[in-house]
Amino acid sequence: MIPRLKVRPEYLAAAKAAWQARPRVVVQARPRDDDVIKVGFTATKKVGNAVVRNRAKRRLREAAELIIPQFGLPGHDYVLIARADTHTCDWQALLDDVKAALIRLARPKPNSATP
């Protein structure tokens, strides 16, 4: 089981870091000083009522357990944010979106100072 983000300041720090939006999920990634990967989940009221938000977060938790150990970078905090159809979308499509976002976030940033 992947350690979880538990307090609001951890979520706020991740919100200021790099992120990738996909049709079914938004993934935020913040580097830290140690080698532990932590993950947090959120769903706003725009996603739906409490039942819908809970289902979306359950699906995100399961997707994170499957995908983050393979594609997550050590020493990073990840926050997965549910979108409107996270709770009803095809399971494989959700996994693909999480995987694509993690791969994109792991890519090194191009150096703009190089001619």
PDB file of N, CA and C in Angstrom:
ATOM      1  N   MET A   1       0.843  -1.182   0.000  1.00  0.00           N
ATOM      2  CA  MET A   1       0.000   0.000   0.000  1.00  0.00           C
ATOM      3  C   MET A   1       0.891   1.248   0.000  1.00  0.00           C
ATOM      4  N   ILE A   2       0.560   2.186  -0.842  1.00  0.00           N
ATOM      5  CA  ILE A   2       1.320   3.414  -0.986  1.00  0.00           C
ATOM      6  C   ILE A   2       0.955   4.360   0.155  1.00  0.00           C
ATOM      7  N   PRO A   3       1.953   4.994   0.795  1.00  0.00           N
ATOM      8  CA  PRO A   3       1.634   5.966   1.849  1.00  0.00           C
ATOM      9  C   PRO A   3       0.781   7.113   1.312  1.00  0.00           C
ATOM     10  N   ARG A   4      -0.080   7.655   2.157  1.00  0.00           N
ATOM     11  CA  ARG A   4      -1.035   8.683   1.746  1.00  0.00           C
ATOM     12  C   ARG A   4      -0.637  10.068   2.234  1.00  0.00           C
ATOM     13  N   LEU A   5      -1.054  11.057   1.473  1.00  0.00           N
ATOM     14  CA  LEU A   5      -1.008  12.443   1.934  1.00  0.00           C
ATOM     15  C   LEU A   5      -2.185  12.615   2.872  1.00  0.00           C
ATOM     16  N   LYS A   6      -1.956  13.233   4.030  1.00  0.00           N
ATOM     17  CA  LYS A   6      -3.036  13.289   5.007  1.00  0.00           C
ATOM     18  C   LYS A   6      -3.436  14.686   5.434  1.00  0.00           C
ATOM     19  N   VAL A   7      -2.530  15.652   5.315  1.00  0.00           N
ATOM     20  CA  VAL A   7      -2.848  16.979   5.828  1.00  0.00           C
ATOM     21  C   VAL A   7      -2.919  17.986   4.683  1.00  0.00           C
ATOM     22  N   ARG A   8      -3.692  19.033   4.899  1.00  0.00           N
ATOM     23  CA  ARG A   8      -3.957  20.021   3.867  1.00  0.00           C
ATOM     24  C   ARG A   8      -2.703  20.687   3.301  1.00  0.00           C
ATOM     25  N   PRO A   9      -1.701  21.025   4.105  1.00  0.00           N
ATOM     26  CA  PRO A   9      -0.505  21.650   3.530  1.00  0.00           C
ATOM     27  C   PRO A   9       0.193  20.787   2.468  1.00  0.00           C
ATOM     28  N   GLU A  10       0.117  19.469   2.621  1.00  0.00           N
ATOM     29  CA  GLU A  10       0.712  18.586   1.606  1.00  0.00           C
ATOM     30  C   GLU A  10      -0.040  18.714   0.281  1.00  0.00           C
ATOM     31  N   TYR A  11      -1.352  18.806   0.342  1.00  0.00           N
ATOM     32  CA  TYR A  11      -2.164  18.977  -0.863  1.00  0.00           C
ATOM     33  C   TYR A  11      -1.915  20.348  -1.494  1.00  0.00           C
ATOM     34  N   LEU A  12      -1.798  21.375  -0.672  1.00  0.00           N
ATOM     35  CA  LEU A  12      -1.560  22.728  -1.183  1.00  0.00           C
ATOM     36  C   LEU A  12      -0.192  22.825  -1.851  1.00  0.00           C
ATOM     37  N   ALA A  13       0.814  22.158  -1.295  1.00  0.00           N
ATOM     38  CA  ALA A  13       2.139  22.167  -1.911  1.00  0.00           C
ATOM     39  C   ALA A  13       2.100  21.465  -3.265  1.00  0.00           C
ATOM     40  N   ALA A  14       1.373  20.375  -3.363  1.00  0.00           N
ATOM     41  CA  ALA A  14       1.255  19.655  -4.633  1.00  0.00           C
ATOM     42  C   ALA A  14       0.495  20.492  -5.664  1.00  0.00           C
ATOM     43  N   ALA A  15      -0.439  21.301  -5.211  1.00  0.00           N
ATOM     44  CA  ALA A  15      -1.221  22.129  -6.133  1.00  0.00           C
ATOM     45  C   ALA A  15      -0.359  23.180  -6.822  1.00  0.00           C
ATOM     46  N   LYS A  16       0.766  23.551  -6.207  1.00  0.00           N
ATOM     47  CA  LYS A  16       1.654  24.553  -6.793  1.00  0.00           C
ATOM     48  C   LYS A  16       2.703  23.918  -7.710  1.00  0.00           C
ATOM     49  N   ALA A  17       2.732  22.599  -7.778  1.00  0.00           N
ATOM     50  CA  ALA A  17       3.762  21.887  -8.538  1.00  0.00           C
ATOM     51  C   ALA A  17       3.255  21.554  -9.943  1.00  0.00           C
ATOM     52  N   ALA A  18       4.039  20.752 -10.643  1.00  0.00           N
ATOM     53  CA  ALA A  18       3.690  20.343 -12.008  1.00  0.00           C
ATOM     54  C   ALA A  18       2.417  19.494 -12.005  1.00  0.00           C
ATOM     55  N   TRP A  19       1.664  19.575 -13.099  1.00  0.00           N
ATOM     56  CA  TRP A  19       0.435  18.795 -13.211  1.00  0.00           C
ATOM     57  C   TRP A  19       0.185  18.415 -14.661  1.00  0.00           C
ATOM     58  N   GLN A  20      -0.627  17.376 -14.829  1.00  0.00           N
ATOM     59  CA  GLN A  20      -1.043  16.923 -16.151  1.00  0.00           C
ATOM     60  C   GLN A  20      -2.537  16.641 -16.102  1.00  0.00           C
ATOM     61  N   ALA A  21      -3.261  17.214 -17.029  1.00  0.00           N
ATOM     62  CA  ALA A  21      -4.703  16.986 -17.105  1.00  0.00           C
ATOM     63  C   ALA A  21      -4.983  15.986 -18.222  1.00  0.00           C
ATOM     64  N   ARG A  22      -5.805  15.027 -17.929  1.00  0.00           N
ATOM     65  CA  ARG A  22      -6.276  14.037 -18.891  1.00  0.00           C
ATOM     66  C   ARG A  22      -7.804  14.045 -18.849  1.00  0.00           C
ATOM     67  N   PRO A  23      -8.463  13.429 -19.808  1.00  0.00           N
ATOM     68  CA  PRO A  23      -9.931  13.493 -19.833  1.00  0.00           C
ATOM     69  C   PRO A  23     -10.613  12.954 -18.571  1.00  0.00           C
ATOM     70  N   ARG A  24      -9.998  11.996 -17.899  1.00  0.00           N
ATOM     71  CA  ARG A  24     -10.648  11.362 -16.766  1.00  0.00           C
ATOM     72  C   ARG A  24     -10.009  11.655 -15.417  1.00  0.00           C
ATOM     73  N   VAL A  25      -8.828  12.294 -15.420  1.00  0.00           N
ATOM     74  CA  VAL A  25      -8.113  12.541 -14.169  1.00  0.00           C
ATOM     75  C   VAL A  25      -7.097  13.667 -14.372  1.00  0.00           C
ATOM     76  N   VAL A  26      -6.833  14.388 -13.293  1.00  0.00           N
ATOM     77  CA  VAL A  26      -5.744  15.360 -13.259  1.00  0.00           C
ATOM     78  C   VAL A  26      -4.741  14.821 -12.241  1.00  0.00           C
ATOM     79  N   VAL A  27      -3.461  14.820 -12.609  1.00  0.00           N
ATOM     80  CA  VAL A  27      -2.416  14.334 -11.707  1.00  0.00           C
ATOM     81  C   VAL A  27      -1.445  15.476 -11.432  1.00  0.00           C
ATOM     82  N   GLN A  28      -1.225  15.743 -10.140  1.00  0.00           N
ATOM     83  CA  GLN A  28      -0.248  16.745  -9.708  1.00  0.00           C
ATOM     84  C   GLN A  28       0.935  15.999  -9.106  1.00  0.00           C
ATOM     85  N   ALA A  29       2.156  16.489  -9.364  1.00  0.00           N
ATOM     86  CA  ALA A  29       3.358  15.829  -8.841  1.00  0.00           C
ATOM     87  C   ALA A  29       4.287  16.861  -8.230  1.00  0.00           C
ATOM     88  N   ARG A  30       4.719  16.591  -6.995  1.00  0.00           N
ATOM     89  CA  ARG A  30       5.636  17.495  -6.295  1.00  0.00           C
ATOM     90  C   ARG A  30       6.833  16.696  -5.800  1.00  0.00           C
ATOM     91  N   PRO A  31       8.056  17.099  -6.185  1.00  0.00           N
ATOM     92  CA  PRO A  31       9.241  16.400  -5.672  1.00  0.00           C
ATOM     93  C   PRO A  31       9.482  16.712  -4.198  1.00  0.00           C
ATOM     94  N   ARG A  32      10.023  15.719  -3.503  1.00  0.00           N
ATOM     95  CA  ARG A  32      10.382  15.875  -2.089  1.00  0.00           C
ATOM     96  C   ARG A  32      11.825  15.442  -1.885  1.00  0.00           C
ATOM     97  N   ASP A  33      12.305  15.494  -0.647  1.00  0.00           N
ATOM     98  CA  ASP A  33      13.709  15.203  -0.357  1.00  0.00           C
ATOM     99  C   ASP A  33      14.012  13.719  -0.142  1.00  0.00           C
ATOM    100  N   ASP A  34      13.042  12.918   0.235  1.00  0.00           N
ATOM    101  CA  ASP A  34      13.324  11.502   0.486  1.00  0.00           C
ATOM    102  C   ASP A  34      12.900  10.652  -0.718  1.00  0.00           C
ATOM    103  N   ASP A  35      12.999   9.326  -0.582  1.00  0.00           N
ATOM    104  CA  ASP A  35      12.696   8.432  -1.705  1.00  0.00           C
ATOM    105  C   ASP A  35      11.317   7.788  -1.618  1.00  0.00           C
ATOM    106  N   VAL A  36      10.472   8.261  -0.724  1.00  0.00           N
ATOM    107  CA  VAL A  36       9.147   7.688  -0.546  1.00  0.00           C
ATOM    108  C   VAL A  36       8.161   8.337  -1.517  1.00  0.00           C
ATOM    109  N   ILE A  37       7.312   7.526  -2.103  1.00  0.00           N
ATOM    110  CA  ILE A  37       6.218   8.035  -2.942  1.00  0.00           C
ATOM    111  C   ILE A  37       4.985   8.119  -2.057  1.00  0.00           C
ATOM    112  N   LYS A  38       4.351   9.294  -2.031  1.00  0.00           N
ATOM    113  CA  LYS A  38       3.084   9.461  -1.312  1.00  0.00           C
ATOM    114  C   LYS A  38       2.018   9.869  -2.315  1.00  0.00           C
ATOM    115  N   VAL A  39       0.782   9.516  -2.022  1.00  0.00           N
ATOM    116  CA  VAL A  39      -0.300   9.823  -2.946  1.00  0.00           C
ATOM    117  C   VAL A  39      -1.529  10.290  -2.168  1.00  0.00           C
ATOM    118  N   GLY A  40      -2.259  11.225  -2.781  1.00  0.00           N
ATOM    119  CA  GLY A  40      -3.505  11.723  -2.213  1.00  0.00           C
ATOM    120  C   GLY A  40      -4.578  11.758  -3.290  1.00  0.00           C
ATOM    121  N   PHE A  41      -5.820  11.813  -2.873  1.00  0.00           N
ATOM    122  CA  PHE A  41      -6.948  11.759  -3.801  1.00  0.00           C
ATOM    123  C   PHE A  41      -7.956  12.825  -3.424  1.00  0.00           C
ATOM    124  N   THR A  42      -8.572  13.421  -4.427  1.00  0.00           N
ATOM    125  CA  THR A  42      -9.595  14.418  -4.153  1.00  0.00           C
ATOM    126  C   THR A  42     -10.632  14.421  -5.267  1.00  0.00           C
ATOM    127  N   ALA A  43     -11.830  14.814  -4.903  1.00  0.00           N
ATOM    128  CA  ALA A  43     -12.931  14.974  -5.857  1.00  0.00           C
ATOM    129  C   ALA A  43     -13.777  16.139  -5.364  1.00  0.00           C
ATOM    130  N   THR A  44     -13.954  17.142  -6.204  1.00  0.00           N
ATOM    131  CA  THR A  44     -14.724  18.312  -5.807  1.00  0.00           C
ATOM    132  C   THR A  44     -16.220  18.041  -5.943  1.00  0.00           C
ATOM    133  N   LYS A  45     -17.012  18.950  -5.427  1.00  0.00           N
ATOM    134  CA  LYS A  45     -18.464  18.794  -5.530  1.00  0.00           C
ATOM    135  C   LYS A  45     -18.965  18.918  -6.958  1.00  0.00           C
ATOM    136  N   LYS A  46     -18.136  19.477  -7.854  1.00  0.00           N
ATOM    137  CA  LYS A  46     -18.507  19.534  -9.270  1.00  0.00           C
ATOM    138  C   LYS A  46     -18.636  18.137  -9.864  1.00  0.00           C
ATOM    139  N   VAL A  47     -17.930  17.169  -9.277  1.00  0.00           N
ATOM    140  CA  VAL A  47     -17.959  15.790  -9.774  1.00  0.00           C
ATOM    141  C   VAL A  47     -19.321  15.165  -9.522  1.00  0.00           C
ATOM    142  N   GLY A  48     -19.944  15.498  -8.407  1.00  0.00           N
ATOM    143  CA  GLY A  48     -21.258  14.934  -8.102  1.00  0.00           C
ATOM    144  C   GLY A  48     -21.502  14.909  -6.605  1.00  0.00           C
ATOM    145  N   ASN A  49     -22.534  14.167  -6.213  1.00  0.00           N
ATOM    146  CA  ASN A  49     -22.858  14.075  -4.790  1.00  0.00           C
ATOM    147  C   ASN A  49     -21.849  13.165  -4.079  1.00  0.00           C
ATOM    148  N   ALA A  50     -22.035  12.943  -2.791  1.00  0.00           N
ATOM    149  CA  ALA A  50     -21.067  12.195  -1.993  1.00  0.00           C
ATOM    150  C   ALA A  50     -20.870  10.773  -2.506  1.00  0.00           C
ATOM    151  N   VAL A  51     -21.919  10.139  -2.943  1.00  0.00           N
ATOM    152  CA  VAL A  51     -21.819   8.763  -3.454  1.00  0.00           C
ATOM    153  C   VAL A  51     -20.931   8.732  -4.699  1.00  0.00           C
ATOM    154  N   VAL A  52     -21.145   9.655  -5.593  1.00  0.00           N
ATOM    155  CA  VAL A  52     -20.368   9.725  -6.839  1.00  0.00           C
ATOM    156  C   VAL A  52     -18.907  10.066  -6.531  1.00  0.00           C
ATOM    157  N   ARG A  53     -18.678  11.030  -5.641  1.00  0.00           N
ATOM    158  CA  ARG A  53     -17.301  11.399  -5.287  1.00  0.00           C
ATOM    159  C   ARG A  53     -16.564  10.242  -4.635  1.00  0.00           C
ATOM    160  N   ASN A  54     -17.232   9.530  -3.753  1.00  0.00           N
ATOM    161  CA  ASN A  54     -16.601   8.381  -3.094  1.00  0.00           C
ATOM    162  C   ASN A  54     -16.262   7.284  -4.098  1.00  0.00           C
ATOM    163  N   ARG A  55     -17.159   7.029  -5.042  1.00  0.00           N
ATOM    164  CA  ARG A  55     -16.878   6.017  -6.060  1.00  0.00           C
ATOM    165  C   ARG A  55     -15.688   6.434  -6.919  1.00  0.00           C
ATOM    166  N   ALA A  56     -15.644   7.698  -7.293  1.00  0.00           N
ATOM    167  CA  ALA A  56     -14.529   8.196  -8.095  1.00  0.00           C
ATOM    168  C   ALA A  56     -13.215   8.042  -7.330  1.00  0.00           C
ATOM    169  N   LYS A  57     -13.197   8.389  -6.061  1.00  0.00           N
ATOM    170  CA  LYS A  57     -11.970   8.275  -5.276  1.00  0.00           C
ATOM    171  C   LYS A  57     -11.567   6.815  -5.076  1.00  0.00           C
ATOM    172  N   ARG A  58     -12.534   5.914  -4.908  1.00  0.00           N
ATOM    173  CA  ARG A  58     -12.212   4.483  -4.801  1.00  0.00           C
ATOM    174  C   ARG A  58     -11.534   3.986  -6.070  1.00  0.00           C
ATOM    175  N   ARG A  59     -12.053   4.420  -7.224  1.00  0.00           N
ATOM    176  CA  ARG A  59     -11.455   4.017  -8.501  1.00  0.00           C
ATOM    177  C   ARG A  59     -10.054   4.599  -8.646  1.00  0.00           C
ATOM    178  N   LEU A  60      -9.864   5.852  -8.223  1.00  0.00           N
ATOM    179  CA  LEU A  60      -8.541   6.457  -8.286  1.00  0.00           C
ATOM    180  C   LEU A  60      -7.556   5.753  -7.357  1.00  0.00           C
ATOM    181  N   ARG A  61      -8.012   5.361  -6.169  1.00  0.00           N
ATOM    182  CA  ARG A  61      -7.134   4.642  -5.241  1.00  0.00           C
ATOM    183  C   ARG A  61      -6.662   3.328  -5.842  1.00  0.00           C
ATOM    184  N   GLU A  62      -7.562   2.593  -6.464  1.00  0.00           N
ATOM    185  CA  GLU A  62      -7.192   1.315  -7.077  1.00  0.00           C
ATOM    186  C   GLU A  62      -6.258   1.534  -8.264  1.00  0.00           C
ATOM    187  N   ALA A  63      -6.539   2.542  -9.078  1.00  0.00           N
ATOM    188  CA  ALA A  63      -5.662   2.849 -10.217  1.00  0.00           C
ATOM    189  C   ALA A  63      -4.267   3.225  -9.729  1.00  0.00           C
ATOM    190  N   ALA A  64      -4.196   4.015  -8.656  1.00  0.00           N
ATOM    191  CA  ALA A  64      -2.896   4.419  -8.117  1.00  0.00           C
ATOM    192  C   ALA A  64      -2.118   3.213  -7.607  1.00  0.00           C
ATOM    193  N   GLU A  65      -2.785   2.294  -6.943  1.00  0.00           N
ATOM    194  CA  GLU A  65      -2.114   1.093  -6.432  1.00  0.00           C
ATOM    195  C   GLU A  65      -1.514   0.272  -7.575  1.00  0.00           C
ATOM    196  N   LEU A  66      -2.160   0.270  -8.722  1.00  0.00           N
ATOM    197  CA  LEU A  66      -1.679  -0.510  -9.860  1.00  0.00           C
ATOM    198  C   LEU A  66      -0.600   0.215 -10.668  1.00  0.00           C
ATOM    199  N   ILE A  67      -0.735   1.523 -10.851  1.00  0.00           N
ATOM    200  CA  ILE A  67       0.094   2.254 -11.809  1.00  0.00           C
ATOM    201  C   ILE A  67       1.273   2.988 -11.160  1.00  0.00           C
ATOM    202  N   ILE A  68       1.087   3.618 -10.021  1.00  0.00           N
ATOM    203  CA  ILE A  68       2.139   4.459  -9.448  1.00  0.00           C
ATOM    204  C   ILE A  68       3.408   3.678  -9.090  1.00  0.00           C
ATOM    205  N   PRO A  69       3.343   2.453  -8.562  1.00  0.00           N
ATOM    206  CA  PRO A  69       4.604   1.748  -8.303  1.00  0.00           C
ATOM    207  C   PRO A  69       5.452   1.535  -9.566  1.00  0.00           C
ATOM    208  N   GLN A  70       4.820   1.427 -10.720  1.00  0.00           N
ATOM    209  CA  GLN A  70       5.555   1.205 -11.969  1.00  0.00           C
ATOM    210  C   GLN A  70       6.059   2.505 -12.585  1.00  0.00           C
ATOM    211  N   PHE A  71       5.242   3.558 -12.570  1.00  0.00           N
ATOM    212  CA  PHE A  71       5.544   4.776 -13.320  1.00  0.00           C
ATOM    213  C   PHE A  71       5.792   6.015 -12.459  1.00  0.00           C
ATOM    214  N   GLY A  72       5.590   5.914 -11.162  1.00  0.00           N
ATOM    215  CA  GLY A  72       5.839   7.053 -10.284  1.00  0.00           C
ATOM    216  C   GLY A  72       7.321   7.206  -9.991  1.00  0.00           C
ATOM    217  N   LEU A  73       7.747   8.428  -9.777  1.00  0.00           N
ATOM    218  CA  LEU A  73       9.140   8.710  -9.453  1.00  0.00           C
ATOM    219  C   LEU A  73       9.343   8.668  -7.941  1.00  0.00           C
ATOM    220  N   PRO A  74      10.415   8.025  -7.482  1.00  0.00           N
ATOM    221  CA  PRO A  74      10.692   8.028  -6.037  1.00  0.00           C
ATOM    222  C   PRO A  74      10.877   9.460  -5.540  1.00  0.00           C
ATOM    223  N   GLY A  75      10.416   9.702  -4.327  1.00  0.00           N
ATOM    224  CA  GLY A  75      10.576  11.026  -3.737  1.00  0.00           C
ATOM    225  C   GLY A  75       9.595  12.054  -4.250  1.00  0.00           C
ATOM    226  N   HIS A  76       8.428  11.619  -4.703  1.00  0.00           N
ATOM    227  CA  HIS A  76       7.414  12.544  -5.202  1.00  0.00           C
ATOM    228  C   HIS A  76       6.096  12.330  -4.467  1.00  0.00           C
ATOM    229  N   ASP A  77       5.364  13.416  -4.314  1.00  0.00           N
ATOM    230  CA  ASP A  77       3.973  13.364  -3.857  1.00  0.00           C
ATOM    231  C   ASP A  77       3.094  13.470  -5.093  1.00  0.00           C
ATOM    232  N   TYR A  78       2.090  12.635  -5.179  1.00  0.00           N
ATOM    233  CA  TYR A  78       1.137  12.694  -6.286  1.00  0.00           C
ATOM    234  C   TYR A  78      -0.258  12.928  -5.724  1.00  0.00           C
ATOM    235  N   VAL A  79      -1.003  13.809  -6.375  1.00  0.00           N
ATOM    236  CA  VAL A  79      -2.408  14.018  -6.039  1.00  0.00           C
ATOM    237  C   VAL A  79      -3.216  13.712  -7.298  1.00  0.00           C
ATOM    238  N   LEU A  80      -4.156  12.781  -7.176  1.00  0.00           N
ATOM    239  CA  LEU A  80      -5.040  12.437  -8.281  1.00  0.00           C
ATOM    240  C   LEU A  80      -6.386  13.102  -8.030  1.00  0.00           C
ATOM    241  N   ILE A  81      -6.816  13.890  -8.996  1.00  0.00           N
ATOM    242  CA  ILE A  81      -8.062  14.645  -8.869  1.00  0.00           C
ATOM    243  C   ILE A  81      -9.077  14.070  -9.837  1.00  0.00           C
ATOM    244  N   ALA A  82     -10.225  13.679  -9.305  1.00  0.00           N
ATOM    245  CA  ALA A  82     -11.288  13.106 -10.127  1.00  0.00           C
ATOM    246  C   ALA A  82     -11.905  14.172 -11.021  1.00  0.00           C
ATOM    247  N   ARG A  83     -12.326  13.748 -12.204  1.00  0.00           N
ATOM    248  CA  ARG A  83     -13.048  14.621 -13.118  1.00  0.00           C
ATOM    249  C   ARG A  83     -14.477  14.104 -13.254  1.00  0.00           C
ATOM    250  N   ALA A  84     -15.274  14.773 -14.066  1.00  0.00           N
ATOM    251  CA  ALA A  84     -16.712  14.515 -14.126  1.00  0.00           C
ATOM    252  C   ALA A  84     -17.066  13.063 -14.424  1.00  0.00           C
ATOM    253  N   ASP A  85     -16.323  12.390 -15.308  1.00  0.00           N
ATOM    254  CA  ASP A  85     -16.708  11.017 -15.651  1.00  0.00           C
ATOM    255  C   ASP A  85     -15.775   9.961 -15.078  1.00  0.00           C
ATOM    256  N   THR A  86     -14.980  10.302 -14.066  1.00  0.00           N
ATOM    257  CA  THR A  86     -14.071   9.335 -13.450  1.00  0.00           C
ATOM    258  C   THR A  86     -14.846   8.151 -12.881  1.00  0.00           C
ATOM    259  N   HIS A  87     -16.001   8.392 -12.328  1.00  0.00           N
ATOM    260  CA  HIS A  87     -16.752   7.332 -11.664  1.00  0.00           C
ATOM    261  C   HIS A  87     -17.446   6.375 -12.632  1.00  0.00           C
ATOM    262  N   THR A  88     -17.612   6.760 -13.905  1.00  0.00           N
ATOM    263  CA  THR A  88     -18.332   5.891 -14.851  1.00  0.00           C
ATOM    264  C   THR A  88     -17.511   5.471 -16.052  1.00  0.00           C
ATOM    265  N   CYS A  89     -16.328   6.015 -16.229  1.00  0.00           N
ATOM    266  CA  CYS A  89     -15.556   5.743 -17.438  1.00  0.00           C
ATOM    267  C   CYS A  89     -15.069   4.293 -17.469  1.00  0.00           C
ATOM    268  N   ASP A  90     -14.641   3.878 -18.647  1.00  0.00           N
ATOM    269  CA  ASP A  90     -14.067   2.559 -18.829  1.00  0.00           C
ATOM    270  C   ASP A  90     -12.815   2.436 -17.952  1.00  0.00           C
ATOM    271  N   TRP A  91     -12.671   1.299 -17.277  1.00  0.00           N
ATOM    272  CA  TRP A  91     -11.568   1.088 -16.347  1.00  0.00           C
ATOM    273  C   TRP A  91     -10.216   1.205 -17.049  1.00  0.00           C
ATOM    274  N   GLN A  92     -10.072   0.588 -18.202  1.00  0.00           N
ATOM    275  CA  GLN A  92      -8.805   0.632 -18.926  1.00  0.00           C
ATOM    276  C   GLN A  92      -8.472   2.054 -19.369  1.00  0.00           C
ATOM    277  N   ALA A  93      -9.481   2.817 -19.750  1.00  0.00           N
ATOM    278  CA  ALA A  93      -9.253   4.210 -20.143  1.00  0.00           C
ATOM    279  C   ALA A  93      -8.740   5.029 -18.953  1.00  0.00           C
ATOM    280  N   LEU A  94      -9.281   4.781 -17.770  1.00  0.00           N
ATOM    281  CA  LEU A  94      -8.806   5.476 -16.569  1.00  0.00           C
ATOM    282  C   LEU A  94      -7.353   5.112 -16.279  1.00  0.00           C
ATOM    283  N   LEU A  95      -7.025   3.821 -16.352  1.00  0.00           N
ATOM    284  CA  LEU A  95      -5.645   3.390 -16.134  1.00  0.00           C
ATOM    285  C   LEU A  95      -4.705   4.022 -17.152  1.00  0.00           C
ATOM    286  N   ASP A  96      -5.141   4.084 -18.411  1.00  0.00           N
ATOM    287  CA  ASP A  96      -4.326   4.694 -19.462  1.00  0.00           C
ATOM    288  C   ASP A  96      -4.086   6.175 -19.191  1.00  0.00           C
ATOM    289  N   ASP A  97      -5.104   6.876 -18.717  1.00  0.00           N
ATOM    290  CA  ASP A  97      -4.951   8.303 -18.417  1.00  0.00           C
ATOM    291  C   ASP A  97      -3.969   8.531 -17.269  1.00  0.00           C
ATOM    292  N   VAL A  98      -4.071   7.733 -16.221  1.00  0.00           N
ATOM    293  CA  VAL A  98      -3.154   7.873 -15.086  1.00  0.00           C
ATOM    294  C   VAL A  98      -1.731   7.565 -15.540  1.00  0.00           C
ATOM    295  N   LYS A  99      -1.573   6.491 -16.306  1.00  0.00           N
ATOM    296  CA  LYS A  99      -0.252   6.111 -16.802  1.00  0.00           C
ATOM    297  C   LYS A  99       0.347   7.203 -17.690  1.00  0.00           C
ATOM    298  N   ALA A 100      -0.444   7.727 -18.617  1.00  0.00           N
ATOM    299  CA  ALA A 100       0.044   8.768 -19.529  1.00  0.00           C
ATOM    300  C   ALA A 100       0.452  10.026 -18.757  1.00  0.00           C
ATOM    301  N   ALA A 101      -0.329  10.399 -17.759  1.00  0.00           N
ATOM    302  CA  ALA A 101      -0.002  11.585 -16.964  1.00  0.00           C
ATOM    303  C   ALA A 101       1.295  11.382 -16.189  1.00  0.00           C
ATOM    304  N   LEU A 102       1.485  10.197 -15.607  1.00  0.00           N
ATOM    305  CA  LEU A 102       2.705   9.926 -14.849  1.00  0.00           C
ATOM    306  C   LEU A 102       3.930   9.912 -15.757  1.00  0.00           C
ATOM    307  N   ILE A 103       3.795   9.332 -16.937  1.00  0.00           N
ATOM    308  CA  ILE A 103       4.911   9.304 -17.882  1.00  0.00           C
ATOM    309  C   ILE A 103       5.277  10.726 -18.296  1.00  0.00           C
ATOM    310  N   ARG A 104       4.282  11.530 -18.572  1.00  0.00           N
ATOM    311  CA  ARG A 104       4.520  12.913 -18.986  1.00  0.00           C
ATOM    312  C   ARG A 104       5.172  13.725 -17.861  1.00  0.00           C
ATOM    313  N   LEU A 105       4.730  13.517 -16.627  1.00  0.00           N
ATOM    314  CA  LEU A 105       5.311  14.240 -15.492  1.00  0.00           C
ATOM    315  C   LEU A 105       6.739  13.791 -15.195  1.00  0.00           C
ATOM    316  N   ALA A 106       7.093  12.560 -15.545  1.00  0.00           N
ATOM    317  CA  ALA A 106       8.434  12.042 -15.291  1.00  0.00           C
ATOM    318  C   ALA A 106       9.431  12.541 -16.327  1.00  0.00           C
ATOM    319  N   ARG A 107       8.951  13.038 -17.462  1.00  0.00           N
ATOM    320  CA  ARG A 107       9.830  13.547 -18.518  1.00  0.00           C
ATOM    321  C   ARG A 107      10.603  14.758 -18.026  1.00  0.00           C
ATOM    322  N   PRO A 108      11.907  14.809 -18.311  1.00  0.00           N
ATOM    323  CA  PRO A 108      12.661  15.997 -17.899  1.00  0.00           C
ATOM    324  C   PRO A 108      12.189  17.234 -18.668  1.00  0.00           C
ATOM    325  N   LYS A 109      12.229  18.346 -17.993  1.00  0.00           N
ATOM    326  CA  LYS A 109      11.801  19.604 -18.601  1.00  0.00           C
ATOM    327  C   LYS A 109      12.863  20.073 -19.594  1.00  0.00           C
ATOM    328  N   PRO A 110      12.467  20.552 -20.769  1.00  0.00           N
ATOM    329  CA  PRO A 110      13.459  21.065 -21.714  1.00  0.00           C
ATOM    330  C   PRO A 110      14.100  22.341 -21.170  1.00  0.00           C
ATOM    331  N   ASN A 111      15.364  22.506 -21.431  1.00  0.00           N
ATOM    332  CA  ASN A 111      16.096  23.681 -20.963  1.00  0.00           C
ATOM    333  C   ASN A 111      15.914  24.813 -21.953  1.00  0.00           C
ATOM    334  N   SER A 112      15.241  25.864 -21.570  1.00  0.00           N
ATOM    335  CA  SER A 112      14.960  26.972 -22.488  1.00  0.00           C
ATOM    336  C   SER A 112      16.185  27.853 -22.736  1.00  0.00           C
ATOM    337  N   ALA A 113      17.240  27.719 -21.923  1.00  0.00           N
ATOM    338  CA  ALA A 113      18.434  28.539 -22.093  1.00  0.00           C
ATOM    339  C   ALA A 113      19.340  28.015 -23.209  1.00  0.00           C
ATOM    340  N   THR A 114      19.120  26.770 -23.642  1.00  0.00           N
ATOM    341  CA  THR A 114      19.945  26.186 -24.688  1.00  0.00           C
ATOM    342  C   THR A 114      19.511  26.729 -26.048  1.00  0.00           C
ATOM    343  N   PRO A 115      20.487  27.170 -26.899  1.00  0.00           N
ATOM    344  CA  PRO A 115      20.103  27.733 -28.211  1.00  0.00           C
ATOM    345  C   PRO A 115      19.614  26.680 -29.164  1.00  0.00           C
TER     346      PRO A 115
END
